[in-house]
Amino acid sequence: MLGLYYQEWPKGYIDHIDGNTFNNRKSNLRVVTQSENKHNPQKLYKNNTSGAHGIYYSTARDNWVVRLRINGLDVYGGSYENYEDAIEARKQLEVKHGVDKYSILTKSLNHDNHISIFQNISL
């Protein structure tokens, strides 16, 4: 669709900002790299127990561990006793690596089982 708006096919991938592939309004489309496109929010895996992307509980460490995948490599974001600290660390890691605009964590917050935990977190 974006090619129709600009009369040529853009270089890169077409991203639907709101994640709805049927919403082809120009304001909802942007050109991104393949790496950026992979940072779009996806459904949480069934075995996800944290309710957020890139955060898991390590029984070996007895802590919440934060990670972010950038260009196929895992970036370690630390381990935290407090879940809210892990959420904040993940947000900061996204900002540091420039992927916060793709709302990975924000979309994760819509997970039905954990929405009440996140209500007071400023995004």
PDB file of N, CA and C in Angstrom:
ATOM      1  N   MET A   1       0.814  -1.206   0.000  1.00  0.00           N
ATOM      2  CA  MET A   1       0.000   0.000   0.000  1.00  0.00           C
ATOM      3  C   MET A   1       0.852   1.263   0.000  1.00  0.00           C
ATOM      4  N   LEU A   2       1.951   1.236   0.756  1.00  0.00           N
ATOM      5  CA  LEU A   2       2.779   2.435   0.840  1.00  0.00           C
ATOM      6  C   LEU A   2       3.330   2.803  -0.527  1.00  0.00           C
ATOM      7  N   GLY A   3       3.607   1.790  -1.362  1.00  0.00           N
ATOM      8  CA  GLY A   3       4.072   2.043  -2.716  1.00  0.00           C
ATOM      9  C   GLY A   3       3.055   2.828  -3.524  1.00  0.00           C
ATOM     10  N   LEU A   4       1.786   2.561  -3.283  1.00  0.00           N
ATOM     11  CA  LEU A   4       0.731   3.303  -3.974  1.00  0.00           C
ATOM     12  C   LEU A   4       0.720   4.773  -3.554  1.00  0.00           C
ATOM     13  N   TYR A   5       1.017   5.034  -2.291  1.00  0.00           N
ATOM     14  CA  TYR A   5       1.019   6.411  -1.805  1.00  0.00           C
ATOM     15  C   TYR A   5       2.165   7.221  -2.398  1.00  0.00           C
ATOM     16  N   TYR A   6       3.317   6.577  -2.599  1.00  0.00           N
ATOM     17  CA  TYR A   6       4.500   7.282  -3.054  1.00  0.00           C
ATOM     18  C   TYR A   6       4.839   7.052  -4.525  1.00  0.00           C
ATOM     19  N   GLN A   7       4.019   6.278  -5.239  1.00  0.00           N
ATOM     20  CA  GLN A   7       4.200   5.993  -6.658  1.00  0.00           C
ATOM     21  C   GLN A   7       5.438   5.142  -6.947  1.00  0.00           C
ATOM     22  N   GLU A   8       6.062   4.595  -5.922  1.00  0.00           N
ATOM     23  CA  GLU A   8       7.191   3.681  -6.087  1.00  0.00           C
ATOM     24  C   GLU A   8       7.268   2.818  -4.829  1.00  0.00           C
ATOM     25  N   TRP A   9       7.889   1.664  -4.953  1.00  0.00           N
ATOM     26  CA  TRP A   9       8.003   0.787  -3.805  1.00  0.00           C
ATOM     27  C   TRP A   9       9.196   1.219  -2.966  1.00  0.00           C
ATOM     28  N   PRO A  10       8.987   1.518  -1.689  1.00  0.00           N
ATOM     29  CA  PRO A  10      10.092   1.979  -0.845  1.00  0.00           C
ATOM     30  C   PRO A  10      11.091   0.868  -0.555  1.00  0.00           C
ATOM     31  N   LYS A  11      12.320   1.251  -0.274  1.00  0.00           N
ATOM     32  CA  LYS A  11      13.342   0.286   0.120  1.00  0.00           C
ATOM     33  C   LYS A  11      13.100  -0.073   1.585  1.00  0.00           C
ATOM     34  N   GLY A  12      13.150  -1.343   1.897  1.00  0.00           N
ATOM     35  CA  GLY A  12      12.921  -1.781   3.274  1.00  0.00           C
ATOM     36  C   GLY A  12      11.600  -2.517   3.404  1.00  0.00           C
ATOM     37  N   TYR A  13      11.138  -2.628   4.612  1.00  0.00           N
ATOM     38  CA  TYR A  13       9.909  -3.349   4.927  1.00  0.00           C
ATOM     39  C   TYR A  13       8.811  -2.357   5.282  1.00  0.00           C
ATOM     40  N   ILE A  14       7.601  -2.713   4.945  1.00  0.00           N
ATOM     41  CA  ILE A  14       6.453  -1.885   5.296  1.00  0.00           C
ATOM     42  C   ILE A  14       5.930  -2.359   6.646  1.00  0.00           C
ATOM     43  N   ASP A  15       5.839  -1.450   7.591  1.00  0.00           N
ATOM     44  CA  ASP A  15       5.386  -1.777   8.934  1.00  0.00           C
ATOM     45  C   ASP A  15       4.047  -1.101   9.197  1.00  0.00           C
ATOM     46  N   HIS A  16       3.120  -1.863   9.754  1.00  0.00           N
ATOM     47  CA  HIS A  16       1.845  -1.306  10.200  1.00  0.00           C
ATOM     48  C   HIS A  16       2.028  -0.911  11.659  1.00  0.00           C
ATOM     49  N   ILE A  17       2.016   0.376  11.938  1.00  0.00           N
ATOM     50  CA  ILE A  17       2.336   0.894  13.254  1.00  0.00           C
ATOM     51  C   ILE A  17       1.451   0.286  14.336  1.00  0.00           C
ATOM     52  N   ASP A  18       0.166   0.156  14.070  1.00  0.00           N
ATOM     53  CA  ASP A  18      -0.739  -0.389  15.088  1.00  0.00           C
ATOM     54  C   ASP A  18      -0.805  -1.910  15.077  1.00  0.00           C
ATOM     55  N   GLY A  19      -0.039  -2.557  14.193  1.00  0.00           N
ATOM     56  CA  GLY A  19      -0.020  -4.016  14.140  1.00  0.00           C
ATOM     57  C   GLY A  19      -1.166  -4.631  13.367  1.00  0.00           C
ATOM     58  N   ASN A  20      -2.101  -3.812  12.913  1.00  0.00           N
ATOM     59  CA  ASN A  20      -3.256  -4.293  12.167  1.00  0.00           C
ATOM     60  C   ASN A  20      -2.934  -4.239  10.674  1.00  0.00           C
ATOM     61  N   THR A  21      -2.720  -5.416  10.074  1.00  0.00           N
ATOM     62  CA  THR A  21      -2.324  -5.456   8.666  1.00  0.00           C
ATOM     63  C   THR A  21      -3.445  -5.035   7.721  1.00  0.00           C
ATOM     64  N   PHE A  22      -4.647  -4.900   8.244  1.00  0.00           N
ATOM     65  CA  PHE A  22      -5.755  -4.431   7.410  1.00  0.00           C
ATOM     66  C   PHE A  22      -5.900  -2.915   7.454  1.00  0.00           C
ATOM     67  N   ASN A  23      -5.191  -2.265   8.358  1.00  0.00           N
ATOM     68  CA  ASN A  23      -5.231  -0.810   8.470  1.00  0.00           C
ATOM     69  C   ASN A  23      -4.128  -0.237   7.594  1.00  0.00           C
ATOM     70  N   ASN A  24      -4.466   0.060   6.350  1.00  0.00           N
ATOM     71  CA  ASN A  24      -3.482   0.532   5.376  1.00  0.00           C
ATOM     72  C   ASN A  24      -3.540   2.035   5.143  1.00  0.00           C
ATOM     73  N   ARG A  25      -4.004   2.768   6.146  1.00  0.00           N
ATOM     74  CA  ARG A  25      -3.969   4.224   6.027  1.00  0.00           C
ATOM     75  C   ARG A  25      -2.513   4.689   6.035  1.00  0.00           C
ATOM     76  N   LYS A  26      -2.229   5.711   5.273  1.00  0.00           N
ATOM     77  CA  LYS A  26      -0.865   6.221   5.162  1.00  0.00           C
ATOM     78  C   LYS A  26      -0.285   6.555   6.537  1.00  0.00           C
ATOM     79  N   SER A  27      -1.092   7.072   7.434  1.00  0.00           N
ATOM     80  CA  SER A  27      -0.618   7.442   8.770  1.00  0.00           C
ATOM     81  C   SER A  27      -0.241   6.221   9.606  1.00  0.00           C
ATOM     82  N   ASN A  28      -0.646   5.022   9.178  1.00  0.00           N
ATOM     83  CA  ASN A  28      -0.349   3.805   9.926  1.00  0.00           C
ATOM     84  C   ASN A  28       0.800   3.004   9.309  1.00  0.00           C
ATOM     85  N   LEU A  29       1.378   3.491   8.230  1.00  0.00           N
ATOM     86  CA  LEU A  29       2.441   2.763   7.538  1.00  0.00           C
ATOM     87  C   LEU A  29       3.766   3.502   7.658  1.00  0.00           C
ATOM     88  N   ARG A  30       4.834   2.728   7.775  1.00  0.00           N
ATOM     89  CA  ARG A  30       6.177   3.312   7.814  1.00  0.00           C
ATOM     90  C   ARG A  30       7.160   2.306   7.212  1.00  0.00           C
ATOM     91  N   VAL A  31       8.284   2.805   6.735  1.00  0.00           N
ATOM     92  CA  VAL A  31       9.327   1.957   6.175  1.00  0.00           C
ATOM     93  C   VAL A  31      10.334   1.670   7.288  1.00  0.00           C
ATOM     94  N   VAL A  32      10.660   0.389   7.471  1.00  0.00           N
ATOM     95  CA  VAL A  32      11.597  -0.019   8.510  1.00  0.00           C
ATOM     96  C   VAL A  32      12.568  -1.048   7.944  1.00  0.00           C
ATOM     97  N   THR A  33      13.642  -1.302   8.672  1.00  0.00           N
ATOM     98  CA  THR A  33      14.558  -2.375   8.300  1.00  0.00           C
ATOM     99  C   THR A  33      13.976  -3.703   8.779  1.00  0.00           C
ATOM    100  N   GLN A  34      14.553  -4.796   8.330  1.00  0.00           N
ATOM    101  CA  GLN A  34      14.091  -6.113   8.773  1.00  0.00           C
ATOM    102  C   GLN A  34      14.266  -6.246  10.289  1.00  0.00           C
ATOM    103  N   SER A  35      15.379  -5.769  10.805  1.00  0.00           N
ATOM    104  CA  SER A  35      15.637  -5.841  12.243  1.00  0.00           C
ATOM    105  C   SER A  35      14.588  -5.062  13.030  1.00  0.00           C
ATOM    106  N   GLU A  36      14.271  -3.854  12.562  1.00  0.00           N
ATOM    107  CA  GLU A  36      13.253  -3.046  13.240  1.00  0.00           C
ATOM    108  C   GLU A  36      11.900  -3.741  13.181  1.00  0.00           C
ATOM    109  N   ASN A  37      11.600  -4.338  12.045  1.00  0.00           N
ATOM    110  CA  ASN A  37      10.315  -5.001  11.874  1.00  0.00           C
ATOM    111  C   ASN A  37      10.161  -6.176  12.839  1.00  0.00           C
ATOM    112  N   LYS A  38      11.258  -6.844  13.147  1.00  0.00           N
ATOM    113  CA  LYS A  38      11.211  -7.976  14.074  1.00  0.00           C
ATOM    114  C   LYS A  38      10.923  -7.539  15.504  1.00  0.00           C
ATOM    115  N   HIS A  39      11.060  -6.252  15.799  1.00  0.00           N
ATOM    116  CA  HIS A  39      10.788  -5.755  17.145  1.00  0.00           C
ATOM    117  C   HIS A  39       9.322  -5.437  17.367  1.00  0.00           C
ATOM    118  N   ASN A  40       8.521  -5.620  16.348  1.00  0.00           N
ATOM    119  CA  ASN A  40       7.096  -5.396  16.548  1.00  0.00           C
ATOM    120  C   ASN A  40       6.562  -6.366  17.584  1.00  0.00           C
ATOM    121  N   PRO A  41       5.605  -5.915  18.362  1.00  0.00           N
ATOM    122  CA  PRO A  41       5.038  -6.790  19.382  1.00  0.00           C
ATOM    123  C   PRO A  41       4.387  -8.018  18.761  1.00  0.00           C
ATOM    124  N   GLN A  42       4.573  -9.112  19.400  1.00  0.00           N
ATOM    125  CA  GLN A  42       3.922 -10.338  18.995  1.00  0.00           C
ATOM    126  C   GLN A  42       3.259 -10.920  20.223  1.00  0.00           C
ATOM    127  N   LYS A  43       2.388 -11.866  20.009  1.00  0.00           N
ATOM    128  CA  LYS A  43       1.740 -12.505  21.143  1.00  0.00           C
ATOM    129  C   LYS A  43       2.791 -13.145  22.033  1.00  0.00           C
ATOM    130  N   LEU A  44       2.509 -13.144  23.303  1.00  0.00           N
ATOM    131  CA  LEU A  44       3.403 -13.815  24.231  1.00  0.00           C
ATOM    132  C   LEU A  44       3.288 -15.319  24.040  1.00  0.00           C
ATOM    133  N   TYR A  45       4.400 -16.000  24.186  1.00  0.00           N
ATOM    134  CA  TYR A  45       4.369 -17.449  24.099  1.00  0.00           C
ATOM    135  C   TYR A  45       3.524 -18.015  25.228  1.00  0.00           C
ATOM    136  N   LYS A  46       2.940 -19.175  25.004  1.00  0.00           N
ATOM    137  CA  LYS A  46       2.085 -19.801  26.016  1.00  0.00           C
ATOM    138  C   LYS A  46       2.832 -20.064  27.315  1.00  0.00           C
ATOM    139  N   ASN A  47       4.139 -20.303  27.222  1.00  0.00           N
ATOM    140  CA  ASN A  47       4.902 -20.596  28.432  1.00  0.00           C
ATOM    141  C   ASN A  47       5.463 -19.338  29.101  1.00  0.00           C
ATOM    142  N   ASN A  48       5.083 -18.151  28.615  1.00  0.00           N
ATOM    143  CA  ASN A  48       5.541 -16.908  29.224  1.00  0.00           C
ATOM    144  C   ASN A  48       4.841 -16.732  30.567  1.00  0.00           C
ATOM    145  N   THR A  49       5.623 -16.609  31.621  1.00  0.00           N
ATOM    146  CA  THR A  49       5.048 -16.460  32.959  1.00  0.00           C
ATOM    147  C   THR A  49       5.162 -15.047  33.498  1.00  0.00           C
ATOM    148  N   SER A  50       5.913 -14.186  32.811  1.00  0.00           N
ATOM    149  CA  SER A  50       6.105 -12.828  33.326  1.00  0.00           C
ATOM    150  C   SER A  50       5.032 -11.865  32.833  1.00  0.00           C
ATOM    151  N   GLY A  51       4.426 -12.168  31.700  1.00  0.00           N
ATOM    152  CA  GLY A  51       3.441 -11.252  31.134  1.00  0.00           C
ATOM    153  C   GLY A  51       4.058 -10.136  30.327  1.00  0.00           C
ATOM    154  N   ALA A  52       5.363 -10.195  30.075  1.00  0.00           N
ATOM    155  CA  ALA A  52       6.046  -9.159  29.302  1.00  0.00           C
ATOM    156  C   ALA A  52       7.135  -9.803  28.454  1.00  0.00           C
ATOM    157  N   HIS A  53       7.386  -9.212  27.310  1.00  0.00           N
ATOM    158  CA  HIS A  53       8.466  -9.687  26.445  1.00  0.00           C
ATOM    159  C   HIS A  53       9.809  -9.374  27.085  1.00  0.00           C
ATOM    160  N   GLY A  54      10.745 -10.313  26.973  1.00  0.00           N
ATOM    161  CA  GLY A  54      12.118 -10.062  27.386  1.00  0.00           C
ATOM    162  C   GLY A  54      12.350 -10.066  28.883  1.00  0.00           C
ATOM    163  N   ILE A  55      11.394 -10.562  29.653  1.00  0.00           N
ATOM    164  CA  ILE A  55      11.573 -10.662  31.096  1.00  0.00           C
ATOM    165  C   ILE A  55      11.152 -12.061  31.511  1.00  0.00           C
ATOM    166  N   TYR A  56      12.020 -12.729  32.254  1.00  0.00           N
ATOM    167  CA  TYR A  56      11.656 -14.052  32.756  1.00  0.00           C
ATOM    168  C   TYR A  56      12.208 -14.236  34.162  1.00  0.00           C
ATOM    169  N   TYR A  57      11.597 -15.151  34.892  1.00  0.00           N
ATOM    170  CA  TYR A  57      12.059 -15.419  36.246  1.00  0.00           C
ATOM    171  C   TYR A  57      13.040 -16.577  36.221  1.00  0.00           C
ATOM    172  N   SER A  58      14.212 -16.361  36.779  1.00  0.00           N
ATOM    173  CA  SER A  58      15.241 -17.386  36.851  1.00  0.00           C
ATOM    174  C   SER A  58      15.231 -17.987  38.255  1.00  0.00           C
ATOM    175  N   THR A  59      14.856 -19.249  38.337  1.00  0.00           N
ATOM    176  CA  THR A  59      14.868 -19.906  39.645  1.00  0.00           C
ATOM    177  C   THR A  59      16.300 -20.107  40.127  1.00  0.00           C
ATOM    178  N   ALA A  60      17.238 -20.278  39.211  1.00  0.00           N
ATOM    179  CA  ALA A  60      18.642 -20.445  39.587  1.00  0.00           C
ATOM    180  C   ALA A  60      19.189 -19.179  40.245  1.00  0.00           C
ATOM    181  N   ARG A  61      18.784 -18.023  39.747  1.00  0.00           N
ATOM    182  CA  ARG A  61      19.254 -16.743  40.296  1.00  0.00           C
ATOM    183  C   ARG A  61      18.298 -16.200  41.355  1.00  0.00           C
ATOM    184  N   ASP A  62      17.072 -16.738  41.355  1.00  0.00           N
ATOM    185  CA  ASP A  62      16.019 -16.243  42.242  1.00  0.00           C
ATOM    186  C   ASP A  62      15.772 -14.756  41.990  1.00  0.00           C
ATOM    187  N   ASN A  63      15.763 -14.407  40.705  1.00  0.00           N
ATOM    188  CA  ASN A  63      15.585 -13.022  40.265  1.00  0.00           C
ATOM    189  C   ASN A  63      14.864 -12.977  38.920  1.00  0.00           C
ATOM    190  N   TRP A  64      14.351 -11.786  38.598  1.00  0.00           N
ATOM    191  CA  TRP A  64      13.796 -11.520  37.276  1.00  0.00           C
ATOM    192  C   TRP A  64      14.943 -11.114  36.367  1.00  0.00           C
ATOM    193  N   VAL A  65      15.050 -11.721  35.193  1.00  0.00           N
ATOM    194  CA  VAL A  65      16.137 -11.449  34.257  1.00  0.00           C
ATOM    195  C   VAL A  65      15.574 -10.706  33.047  1.00  0.00           C
ATOM    196  N   VAL A  66      16.307  -9.699  32.611  1.00  0.00           N
ATOM    197  CA  VAL A  66      15.891  -8.860  31.482  1.00  0.00           C
ATOM    198  C   VAL A  66      16.833  -9.099  30.316  1.00  0.00           C
ATOM    199  N   ARG A  67      16.265  -9.258  29.126  1.00  0.00           N
ATOM    200  CA  ARG A  67      17.075  -9.390  27.919  1.00  0.00           C
ATOM    201  C   ARG A  67      16.325  -8.746  26.756  1.00  0.00           C
ATOM    202  N   LEU A  68      17.084  -8.414  25.724  1.00  0.00           N
ATOM    203  CA  LEU A  68      16.521  -7.817  24.513  1.00  0.00           C
ATOM    204  C   LEU A  68      17.294  -8.375  23.329  1.00  0.00           C
ATOM    205  N   ARG A  69      16.595  -8.820  22.316  1.00  0.00           N
ATOM    206  CA  ARG A  69      17.255  -9.355  21.129  1.00  0.00           C
ATOM    207  C   ARG A  69      17.412  -8.226  20.109  1.00  0.00           C
ATOM    208  N   ILE A  70      18.673  -7.959  19.749  1.00  0.00           N
ATOM    209  CA  ILE A  70      19.003  -6.916  18.787  1.00  0.00           C
ATOM    210  C   ILE A  70      19.844  -7.548  17.686  1.00  0.00           C
ATOM    211  N   ASN A  71      19.380  -7.464  16.458  1.00  0.00           N
ATOM    212  CA  ASN A  71      20.110  -8.016  15.310  1.00  0.00           C
ATOM    213  C   ASN A  71      20.548  -9.462  15.548  1.00  0.00           C
ATOM    214  N   GLY A  72      19.682 -10.247  16.153  1.00  0.00           N
ATOM    215  CA  GLY A  72      19.956 -11.659  16.370  1.00  0.00           C
ATOM    216  C   GLY A  72      20.800 -11.979  17.594  1.00  0.00           C
ATOM    217  N   LEU A  73      21.200 -10.962  18.334  1.00  0.00           N
ATOM    218  CA  LEU A  73      22.012 -11.172  19.531  1.00  0.00           C
ATOM    219  C   LEU A  73      21.227 -10.771  20.774  1.00  0.00           C
ATOM    220  N   ASP A  74      21.375 -11.546  21.837  1.00  0.00           N
ATOM    221  CA  ASP A  74      20.727 -11.200  23.095  1.00  0.00           C
ATOM    222  C   ASP A  74      21.568 -10.172  23.844  1.00  0.00           C
ATOM    223  N   VAL A  75      20.914  -9.100  24.272  1.00  0.00           N
ATOM    224  CA  VAL A  75      21.558  -8.081  25.089  1.00  0.00           C
ATOM    225  C   VAL A  75      21.029  -8.265  26.509  1.00  0.00           C
ATOM    226  N   TYR A  76      21.926  -8.511  27.429  1.00  0.00           N
ATOM    227  CA  TYR A  76      21.575  -8.738  28.825  1.00  0.00           C
ATOM    228  C   TYR A  76      21.262  -7.411  29.496  1.00  0.00           C
ATOM    229  N   GLY A  77      20.125  -7.351  30.182  1.00  0.00           N
ATOM    230  CA  GLY A  77      19.706  -6.119  30.841  1.00  0.00           C
ATOM    231  C   GLY A  77      19.769  -6.171  32.353  1.00  0.00           C
ATOM    232  N   GLY A  78      20.321  -7.248  32.900  1.00  0.00           N
ATOM    233  CA  GLY A  78      20.464  -7.347  34.352  1.00  0.00           C
ATOM    234  C   GLY A  78      19.449  -8.291  34.966  1.00  0.00           C
ATOM    235  N   SER A  79      19.629  -8.556  36.256  1.00  0.00           N
ATOM    236  CA  SER A  79      18.666  -9.363  36.999  1.00  0.00           C
ATOM    237  C   SER A  79      18.214  -8.568  38.220  1.00  0.00           C
ATOM    238  N   TYR A  80      16.956  -8.738  38.586  1.00  0.00           N
ATOM    239  CA  TYR A  80      16.332  -7.877  39.583  1.00  0.00           C
ATOM    240  C   TYR A  80      15.464  -8.689  40.528  1.00  0.00           C
ATOM    241  N   GLU A  81      15.541  -8.363  41.804  1.00  0.00           N
ATOM    242  CA  GLU A  81      14.684  -9.024  42.784  1.00  0.00           C
ATOM    243  C   GLU A  81      13.241  -8.592  42.606  1.00  0.00           C
ATOM    244  N   ASN A  82      13.058  -7.332  42.242  1.00  0.00           N
ATOM    245  CA  ASN A  82      11.726  -6.738  42.144  1.00  0.00           C
ATOM    246  C   ASN A  82      11.261  -6.738  40.690  1.00  0.00           C
ATOM    247  N   TYR A  83      10.063  -7.227  40.459  1.00  0.00           N
ATOM    248  CA  TYR A  83       9.500  -7.305  39.104  1.00  0.00           C
ATOM    249  C   TYR A  83       9.377  -5.926  38.460  1.00  0.00           C
ATOM    250  N   GLU A  84       8.944  -4.942  39.216  1.00  0.00           N
ATOM    251  CA  GLU A  84       8.778  -3.591  38.673  1.00  0.00           C
ATOM    252  C   GLU A  84      10.123  -3.013  38.232  1.00  0.00           C
ATOM    253  N   ASP A  85      11.194  -3.346  38.956  1.00  0.00           N
ATOM    254  CA  ASP A  85      12.534  -2.896  38.553  1.00  0.00           C
ATOM    255  C   ASP A  85      12.938  -3.533  37.225  1.00  0.00           C
ATOM    256  N   ALA A  86      12.559  -4.799  37.033  1.00  0.00           N
ATOM    257  CA  ALA A  86      12.856  -5.484  35.772  1.00  0.00           C
ATOM    258  C   ALA A  86      12.105  -4.830  34.618  1.00  0.00           C
ATOM    259  N   ILE A  87      10.856  -4.450  34.853  1.00  0.00           N
ATOM    260  CA  ILE A  87      10.062  -3.755  33.824  1.00  0.00           C
ATOM    261  C   ILE A  87      10.749  -2.444  33.445  1.00  0.00           C
ATOM    262  N   GLU A  88      11.161  -1.678  34.443  1.00  0.00           N
ATOM    263  CA  GLU A  88      11.823  -0.399  34.186  1.00  0.00           C
ATOM    264  C   GLU A  88      13.141  -0.612  33.441  1.00  0.00           C
ATOM    265  N   ALA A  89      13.885  -1.642  33.813  1.00  0.00           N
ATOM    266  CA  ALA A  89      15.153  -1.936  33.135  1.00  0.00           C
ATOM    267  C   ALA A  89      14.912  -2.303  31.680  1.00  0.00           C
ATOM    268  N   ARG A  90      13.863  -3.068  31.417  1.00  0.00           N
ATOM    269  CA  ARG A  90      13.542  -3.444  30.035  1.00  0.00           C
ATOM    270  C   ARG A  90      13.194  -2.200  29.222  1.00  0.00           C
ATOM    271  N   LYS A  91      12.398  -1.297  29.794  1.00  0.00           N
ATOM    272  CA  LYS A  91      12.054  -0.057  29.088  1.00  0.00           C
ATOM    273  C   LYS A  91      13.310   0.750  28.767  1.00  0.00           C
ATOM    274  N   GLN A  92      14.222   0.854  29.731  1.00  0.00           N
ATOM    275  CA  GLN A  92      15.457   1.610  29.512  1.00  0.00           C
ATOM    276  C   GLN A  92      16.336   0.952  28.463  1.00  0.00           C
ATOM    277  N   LEU A  93      16.357  -0.375  28.451  1.00  0.00           N
ATOM    278  CA  LEU A  93      17.129  -1.111  27.447  1.00  0.00           C
ATOM    279  C   LEU A  93      16.572  -0.862  26.048  1.00  0.00           C
ATOM    280  N   GLU A  94      15.248  -0.824  25.938  1.00  0.00           N
ATOM    281  CA  GLU A  94      14.618  -0.530  24.646  1.00  0.00           C
ATOM    282  C   GLU A  94      14.979   0.869  24.174  1.00  0.00           C
ATOM    283  N   VAL A  95      14.959   1.839  25.084  1.00  0.00           N
ATOM    284  CA  VAL A  95      15.309   3.219  24.731  1.00  0.00           C
ATOM    285  C   VAL A  95      16.776   3.286  24.317  1.00  0.00           C
ATOM    286  N   LYS A  96      17.648   2.663  25.093  1.00  0.00           N
ATOM    287  CA  LYS A  96      19.087   2.689  24.814  1.00  0.00           C
ATOM    288  C   LYS A  96      19.400   2.155  23.421  1.00  0.00           C
ATOM    289  N   HIS A  97      18.673   1.122  23.003  1.00  0.00           N
ATOM    290  CA  HIS A  97      18.936   0.500  21.708  1.00  0.00           C
ATOM    291  C   HIS A  97      17.990   0.982  20.607  1.00  0.00           C
ATOM    292  N   GLY A  98      17.182   2.002  20.919  1.00  0.00           N
ATOM    293  CA  GLY A  98      16.349   2.650  19.910  1.00  0.00           C
ATOM    294  C   GLY A  98      15.166   1.841  19.411  1.00  0.00           C
ATOM    295  N   VAL A  99      14.713   0.888  20.192  1.00  0.00           N
ATOM    296  CA  VAL A  99      13.563   0.093  19.746  1.00  0.00           C
ATOM    297  C   VAL A  99      12.307   0.402  20.550  1.00  0.00           C
ATOM    298  N   ASP A 100      12.365   1.399  21.424  1.00  0.00           N
ATOM    299  CA  ASP A 100      11.204   1.750  22.232  1.00  0.00           C
ATOM    300  C   ASP A 100      10.043   2.230  21.378  1.00  0.00           C
ATOM    301  N   LYS A 101      10.330   2.802  20.221  1.00  0.00           N
ATOM    302  CA  LYS A 101       9.261   3.310  19.359  1.00  0.00           C
ATOM    303  C   LYS A 101       8.405   2.196  18.768  1.00  0.00           C
ATOM    304  N   TYR A 102       8.878   0.963  18.866  1.00  0.00           N
ATOM    305  CA  TYR A 102       8.108  -0.157  18.342  1.00  0.00           C
ATOM    306  C   TYR A 102       7.208  -0.774  19.398  1.00  0.00           C
ATOM    307  N   SER A 103       7.219  -0.210  20.591  1.00  0.00           N
ATOM    308  CA  SER A 103       6.265  -0.537  21.651  1.00  0.00           C
ATOM    309  C   SER A 103       6.222  -2.007  22.037  1.00  0.00           C
ATOM    310  N   ILE A 104       7.358  -2.659  22.086  1.00  0.00           N
ATOM    311  CA  ILE A 104       7.372  -4.059  22.487  1.00  0.00           C
ATOM    312  C   ILE A 104       6.779  -4.211  23.879  1.00  0.00           C
ATOM    313  N   LEU A 105       7.299  -3.458  24.811  1.00  0.00           N
ATOM    314  CA  LEU A 105       6.837  -3.596  26.180  1.00  0.00           C
ATOM    315  C   LEU A 105       5.421  -3.064  26.330  1.00  0.00           C
ATOM    316  N   THR A 106       5.128  -1.963  25.662  1.00  0.00           N
ATOM    317  CA  THR A 106       3.797  -1.390  25.762  1.00  0.00           C
ATOM    318  C   THR A 106       2.742  -2.391  25.334  1.00  0.00           C
ATOM    319  N   LYS A 107       2.972  -3.074  24.219  1.00  0.00           N
ATOM    320  CA  LYS A 107       2.013  -4.079  23.761  1.00  0.00           C
ATOM    321  C   LYS A 107       1.941  -5.254  24.724  1.00  0.00           C
ATOM    322  N   SER A 108       3.063  -5.581  25.357  1.00  0.00           N
ATOM    323  CA  SER A 108       3.063  -6.675  26.326  1.00  0.00           C
ATOM    324  C   SER A 108       2.159  -6.357  27.506  1.00  0.00           C
ATOM    325  N   LEU A 109       2.019  -5.086  27.809  1.00  0.00           N
ATOM    326  CA  LEU A 109       1.227  -4.698  28.968  1.00  0.00           C
ATOM    327  C   LEU A 109      -0.245  -5.015  28.801  1.00  0.00           C
ATOM    328  N   ASN A 110      -0.680  -5.308  27.598  1.00  0.00           N
ATOM    329  CA  ASN A 110      -2.073  -5.631  27.365  1.00  0.00           C
ATOM    330  C   ASN A 110      -2.402  -7.082  27.702  1.00  0.00           C
ATOM    331  N   HIS A 111      -1.424  -7.817  28.146  1.00  0.00           N
ATOM    332  CA  HIS A 111      -1.628  -9.219  28.507  1.00  0.00           C
ATOM    333  C   HIS A 111      -2.658  -9.285  29.628  1.00  0.00           C
ATOM    334  N   ASP A 112      -3.773  -9.936  29.402  1.00  0.00           N
ATOM    335  CA  ASP A 112      -4.916  -9.937  30.313  1.00  0.00           C
ATOM    336  C   ASP A 112      -4.578 -10.313  31.744  1.00  0.00           C
ATOM    337  N   ASN A 113      -3.685 -11.267  31.944  1.00  0.00           N
ATOM    338  CA  ASN A 113      -3.405 -11.755  33.287  1.00  0.00           C
ATOM    339  C   ASN A 113      -2.575 -10.794  34.122  1.00  0.00           C
ATOM    340  N   HIS A 114      -1.934  -9.817  33.498  1.00  0.00           N
ATOM    341  CA  HIS A 114      -1.013  -8.976  34.240  1.00  0.00           C
ATOM    342  C   HIS A 114      -1.314  -7.486  34.114  1.00  0.00           C
ATOM    343  N   ILE A 115      -2.417  -7.115  33.531  1.00  0.00           N
ATOM    344  CA  ILE A 115      -2.698  -5.699  33.285  1.00  0.00           C
ATOM    345  C   ILE A 115      -2.735  -4.899  34.580  1.00  0.00           C
ATOM    346  N   SER A 116      -3.229  -5.465  35.668  1.00  0.00           N
ATOM    347  CA  SER A 116      -3.332  -4.709  36.910  1.00  0.00           C
ATOM    348  C   SER A 116      -1.963  -4.361  37.476  1.00  0.00           C
ATOM    349  N   ILE A 117      -0.956  -5.181  37.224  1.00  0.00           N
ATOM    350  CA  ILE A 117       0.394  -4.925  37.718  1.00  0.00           C
ATOM    351  C   ILE A 117       0.962  -3.670  37.078  1.00  0.00           C
ATOM    352  N   PHE A 118       0.600  -3.430  35.829  1.00  0.00           N
ATOM    353  CA  PHE A 118       1.230  -2.367  35.057  1.00  0.00           C
ATOM    354  C   PHE A 118       0.464  -1.051  35.043  1.00  0.00           C
ATOM    355  N   GLN A 119      -0.651  -0.982  35.681  1.00  0.00           N
ATOM    356  CA  GLN A 119      -1.505   0.210  35.548  1.00  0.00           C
ATOM    357  C   GLN A 119      -0.816   1.491  35.957  1.00  0.00           C
ATOM    358  N   ASN A 120       0.105   1.434  36.916  1.00  0.00           N
ATOM    359  CA  ASN A 120       0.736   2.644  37.409  1.00  0.00           C
ATOM    360  C   ASN A 120       2.108   2.914  36.795  1.00  0.00           C
ATOM    361  N   ILE A 121       2.505   2.130  35.809  1.00  0.00           N
ATOM    362  CA  ILE A 121       3.805   2.338  35.170  1.00  0.00           C
ATOM    363  C   ILE A 121       3.651   3.389  34.082  1.00  0.00           C
ATOM    364  N   SER A 122       4.492   4.419  34.131  1.00  0.00           N
ATOM    365  CA  SER A 122       4.422   5.438  33.083  1.00  0.00           C
ATOM    366  C   SER A 122       5.232   4.975  31.896  1.00  0.00           C
ATOM    367  N   LEU A 123       4.629   5.068  30.718  1.00  0.00           N
ATOM    368  CA  LEU A 123       5.314   4.617  29.493  1.00  0.00           C
ATOM    369  C   LEU A 123       5.757   5.784  28.668  1.00  0.00           C
TER     370      LEU A 123
END
